[in-house]
C-alpha cells in the first residue's frame, strides 16, 4: 500500500511536469526581482560551505573541459577579477607570499616543474648575458649585496683600494676556514653516531673517547 507522503510526492511531481514552463518563468521572474540578495546569499554560502565549494569546482572544471566558449569567458572573468584584487596592497602582498611558497614547494617536490624552471632560467641567462653592461652591473649588485647595501642597481662599482683588497682576502680566507670546520664537525658527528650504534656504547661516551683521542694525537704532534 502506498503511503500518504508517497502519494503527495507523486502528485507534486506530476503537477511540476505538467506546468514546467510556468514554474520556470515564475522562478526566473522571482530571481530577476531579487537578484542582488540571491547573489549575496549564494556568495556567503560558497564561503562557508566546503562541500558546496568542492561540488561547484568540479562542475566548473567539467564545463571548462567540454565548452570552449565558457572556458574563454571564465578565463577572461578570472583575469579581470585577479587584476581588480591586486589593486589592494594587502591582498597583493599576501598573494605574492603565497605564490612564492607554492613555487618553492613545487620546485623541491615536482621534478618536471624543477626541470622547466631550470630551462627557463638558462634561456633567460643566455638572453641577458649578451647585453653590454650585464657583467659589470651583475658584479656591482653582488658586491653591494655582500656588504649589505640594498640600493645598488644604479651605482657604479667603487674602485678597490689596497685596504679593501686585504679585507676581502681576509674575509674569504676566514669564510673558507669556517666552512671547512663545519664540514669536519658534521662528518665527525656522523662517525660518532655510527660508532655508538655499532658498538652499543652510549653516544656521550663515544664523544668523550673521540675527544680524548684527538687530544692525544695533538699532544703527540707537538712532541
Protein backbone atom coordinates (compact mmCIF):
# COMPACT_ATOMS: atom_id res chain seq x y z
CA UNK A 1 0.00 0.00 0.00
CA UNK A 2 1.33 3.42 -1.00
CA UNK A 3 1.77 5.83 1.90
CA UNK A 4 0.20 9.26 2.11
CA UNK A 5 3.58 11.01 1.81
CA UNK A 6 4.42 8.97 -1.29
CA UNK A 7 1.07 9.88 -2.95
CA UNK A 8 1.67 13.58 -2.22
CA UNK A 9 5.17 13.34 -3.67
CA UNK A 10 3.93 11.69 -6.85
CA UNK A 11 1.14 14.26 -7.20
CA UNK A 12 3.63 17.14 -6.78
CA UNK A 13 5.99 15.58 -9.33
CA UNK A 14 3.16 15.16 -11.83
CA UNK A 15 1.99 18.76 -11.34
CA UNK A 16 5.54 20.08 -11.92
CA UNK A 17 5.92 18.02 -15.11
CA UNK A 18 2.61 19.38 -16.43
CA UNK A 19 3.38 23.04 -15.53
CA UNK A 20 7.12 23.07 -16.25
CA UNK A 21 7.20 26.25 -18.35
CA UNK A 22 5.04 28.21 -15.90
CA UNK A 23 7.26 27.18 -12.98
CA UNK A 24 10.37 28.16 -14.93
CA UNK A 25 9.01 31.60 -15.87
CA UNK A 26 7.87 32.21 -12.28
CA UNK A 27 11.29 31.22 -10.90
CA UNK A 28 13.01 33.43 -13.46
CA UNK A 29 10.89 36.48 -12.64
CA UNK A 30 11.43 35.91 -8.92
CA UNK A 31 15.17 35.68 -9.45
CA UNK A 32 15.26 38.87 -11.53
CA UNK A 33 13.32 40.72 -8.84
CA UNK A 34 15.68 39.56 -6.06
CA UNK A 35 18.92 39.13 -8.00
CA UNK A 36 21.25 41.02 -5.65
CA UNK A 37 20.07 39.32 -2.46
CA UNK A 38 20.26 35.88 -4.14
CA UNK A 39 23.81 36.55 -5.36
CA UNK A 40 24.90 37.75 -1.92
CA UNK A 41 23.33 34.74 -0.21
CA UNK A 42 24.99 32.35 -2.70
CA UNK A 43 28.39 34.02 -2.26
CA UNK A 44 28.15 33.82 1.55
CA UNK A 45 27.18 30.18 1.37
CA UNK A 46 30.03 29.45 -1.02
CA UNK A 47 32.49 30.89 1.50
CA UNK A 48 31.20 28.87 4.45
CA UNK A 49 30.07 25.58 2.87
CA UNK A 50 33.12 23.49 1.85
CA UNK A 51 31.21 20.57 0.23
CA UNK A 52 29.25 23.02 -1.92
CA UNK A 53 32.50 24.74 -2.92
CA UNK A 54 34.03 21.40 -3.96
CA UNK A 55 30.92 20.48 -5.99
CA UNK A 56 30.94 23.85 -7.71
CA UNK A 57 34.63 23.46 -8.52
CA UNK A 58 34.02 20.05 -10.09
CA UNK A 59 31.13 21.44 -12.18
CA UNK A 60 33.24 24.35 -13.38
CA UNK A 61 36.14 22.03 -14.31
CA UNK A 62 33.93 19.65 -16.29
CA UNK A 63 32.24 22.57 -18.09
CA UNK A 64 35.62 24.12 -18.94
CA UNK A 65 36.77 20.81 -20.46
CA UNK A 66 33.62 20.45 -22.59
CA UNK A 67 32.66 24.03 -23.53
CA UNK A 68 35.24 26.22 -25.32
CA UNK A 69 33.07 29.38 -25.15
CA UNK A 70 32.60 29.01 -21.40
CA UNK A 71 36.32 28.32 -20.99
CA UNK A 72 37.24 31.60 -22.73
CA UNK A 73 34.62 33.56 -20.76
CA UNK A 74 35.74 32.01 -17.47
CA UNK A 75 39.39 32.80 -18.19
CA UNK A 76 38.55 36.42 -19.04
CA UNK A 77 36.49 36.88 -15.87
CA UNK A 78 39.24 35.30 -13.74
CA UNK A 79 41.85 37.64 -15.23
CA UNK A 80 39.68 40.71 -14.58
CA UNK A 81 38.93 39.58 -11.02
CA UNK A 82 42.61 38.90 -10.30
CA UNK A 83 43.65 42.29 -11.68
CA UNK A 84 41.00 44.02 -9.57
CA UNK A 85 42.09 42.19 -6.40
CA UNK A 86 45.75 43.00 -7.00
CA UNK A 87 44.93 46.71 -6.68
CA UNK A 88 44.63 46.11 -2.93
CA UNK A 89 48.08 46.33 -1.29
CA UNK A 90 47.32 43.85 1.50
CA UNK A 91 45.97 41.26 -0.93
CA UNK A 92 48.92 41.81 -3.27
CA UNK A 93 51.47 41.12 -0.52
CA UNK A 94 49.57 38.06 0.67
CA UNK A 95 49.25 36.74 -2.91
CA UNK A 96 52.96 37.31 -3.52
CA UNK A 97 53.94 35.37 -0.38
CA UNK A 98 51.52 32.52 -1.19
CA UNK A 99 52.75 32.16 -4.77
CA UNK A 100 56.37 32.23 -3.59
CA UNK A 101 55.71 29.40 -1.12
CA UNK A 102 53.87 27.38 -3.78
CA UNK A 103 56.70 27.81 -6.28
CA UNK A 104 59.32 26.78 -3.71
CA UNK A 105 57.31 23.70 -2.74
CA UNK A 106 56.73 22.72 -6.37
CA UNK A 107 60.41 23.30 -7.22
CA UNK A 108 61.58 20.95 -4.45
CA UNK A 109 58.88 18.27 -4.85
CA UNK A 110 58.00 18.12 -8.56
CA UNK A 111 60.84 17.08 -10.84
CA UNK A 112 59.10 18.18 -14.05
CA UNK A 113 58.46 21.69 -12.67
CA UNK A 114 62.06 21.89 -11.50
CA UNK A 115 63.37 20.99 -14.97
CA UNK A 116 61.05 23.53 -16.62
CA UNK A 117 62.23 26.34 -14.32
CA UNK A 118 65.88 25.41 -14.89
CA UNK A 119 65.36 25.51 -18.66
CA UNK A 120 63.65 28.90 -18.42
CA UNK A 121 66.46 30.25 -16.23
CA UNK A 122 69.11 29.08 -18.71
CA UNK A 123 67.24 30.67 -21.63
CA UNK A 124 66.83 33.93 -19.72
CA UNK A 125 70.52 33.97 -18.82
CA UNK A 126 71.54 33.40 -22.46
CA UNK A 127 69.42 36.37 -23.49
CA UNK A 128 70.59 38.68 -20.70
CA UNK A 129 74.30 37.89 -20.77
CA UNK A 130 74.53 39.26 -24.33
CA UNK A 131 73.87 42.78 -23.05
CA UNK A 132 76.84 45.12 -22.87
CA UNK A 133 76.68 46.22 -19.24
CA UNK A 134 75.35 42.95 -17.79
CA UNK A 135 78.61 41.69 -16.28
CA UNK A 136 79.63 44.97 -14.66
CA UNK A 137 76.09 45.53 -13.39
CA UNK A 138 75.92 41.99 -12.00
CA UNK A 139 79.27 42.37 -10.23
CA UNK A 140 78.13 45.66 -8.70
CA UNK A 141 74.87 44.13 -7.48
CA UNK A 142 76.55 41.11 -5.92
CA UNK A 143 79.22 43.24 -4.26
CA UNK A 144 76.63 45.53 -2.72
CA UNK A 145 74.52 42.61 -1.55
CA UNK A 146 77.54 41.01 0.07
CA UNK A 147 78.21 44.20 2.01
CA UNK A 148 74.55 44.66 3.00
CA UNK A 149 73.52 47.52 0.71
CA UNK A 150 70.09 47.47 -0.92
CA UNK A 151 70.15 50.42 -3.31
CA UNK A 152 72.81 49.18 -5.67
CA UNK A 153 71.23 48.95 -9.11
CA UNK A 154 72.06 52.40 -10.41
CA UNK A 155 75.51 52.85 -8.87
CA UNK A 156 78.91 52.32 -10.38
CA UNK A 157 81.20 49.80 -8.64
CA UNK A 158 83.69 51.61 -6.35
CA UNK A 159 87.40 51.43 -7.05
CA UNK A 160 89.22 48.89 -4.94
CA UNK A 161 91.96 50.15 -2.65
CA UNK A 162 94.68 48.08 -1.01
CA UNK A 163 92.84 48.04 2.31
CA UNK A 164 89.65 46.84 0.62
CA UNK A 165 91.52 44.12 -1.23
CA UNK A 166 93.18 42.98 2.01
CA UNK A 167 89.83 42.97 3.81
CA UNK A 168 88.25 40.91 1.02
CA UNK A 169 91.08 38.38 1.17
CA UNK A 170 90.77 38.11 4.94
CA UNK A 171 87.00 37.66 4.68
CA UNK A 172 87.23 34.88 2.09
CA UNK A 173 90.03 33.09 3.93
CA UNK A 174 88.04 33.15 7.20
CA UNK A 175 84.91 32.01 5.39
CA UNK A 176 86.77 29.08 3.84
CA UNK A 177 88.16 28.03 7.23
CA UNK A 178 84.72 28.20 8.86
CA UNK A 179 83.10 26.13 6.12
CA UNK A 180 85.84 23.50 6.38
CA UNK A 181 85.45 23.36 10.18
CA UNK A 182 81.67 22.94 9.89
CA UNK A 183 82.07 20.11 7.37
CA UNK A 184 84.66 18.39 9.54
CA UNK A 185 82.46 18.64 12.65
CA UNK A 186 79.48 17.28 10.72
CA UNK A 187 81.47 14.28 9.43
CA UNK A 188 82.83 13.62 12.95
CA UNK A 189 79.30 13.69 14.41
CA UNK A 190 78.07 11.22 11.79
CA UNK A 191 81.00 8.88 12.53
CA UNK A 192 80.37 9.10 16.28
CA UNK A 193 76.71 8.18 15.81
CA UNK A 194 77.67 5.24 13.62
CA UNK A 195 80.27 4.04 16.18
CA UNK A 196 77.73 4.30 19.01
CA UNK A 197 75.09 2.36 17.06
CA UNK A 198 77.51 -0.41 16.02
CA UNK A 199 79.30 -0.84 19.36
CA UNK A 200 76.36 -0.33 21.71
CA UNK A 201 78.31 2.30 23.70
CA UNK A 202 76.34 5.46 24.65
CA UNK A 203 76.85 8.44 22.37
CA UNK A 204 78.24 10.62 25.19
CA UNK A 205 80.96 8.07 25.99
CA UNK A 206 81.82 7.81 22.29
CA UNK A 207 82.19 11.61 22.08
CA UNK A 208 84.43 11.67 25.16
CA UNK A 209 86.65 8.90 23.78
CA UNK A 210 86.91 10.67 20.42
CA UNK A 211 87.85 13.95 22.12
CA UNK A 212 90.47 12.20 24.29
CA UNK A 213 91.97 10.50 21.21
CA UNK A 214 92.13 13.85 19.37
CA UNK A 215 93.89 15.44 22.35
CA UNK A 216 96.45 12.60 22.48
CA UNK A 217 97.14 12.94 18.76
CA UNK A 218 97.54 16.72 19.10
CA UNK A 219 99.94 16.28 22.04
CA UNK A 220 101.97 13.70 20.09
CA UNK A 221 102.30 16.04 17.10
CA UNK A 222 103.62 18.82 19.36
CA UNK A 223 106.29 16.50 20.81
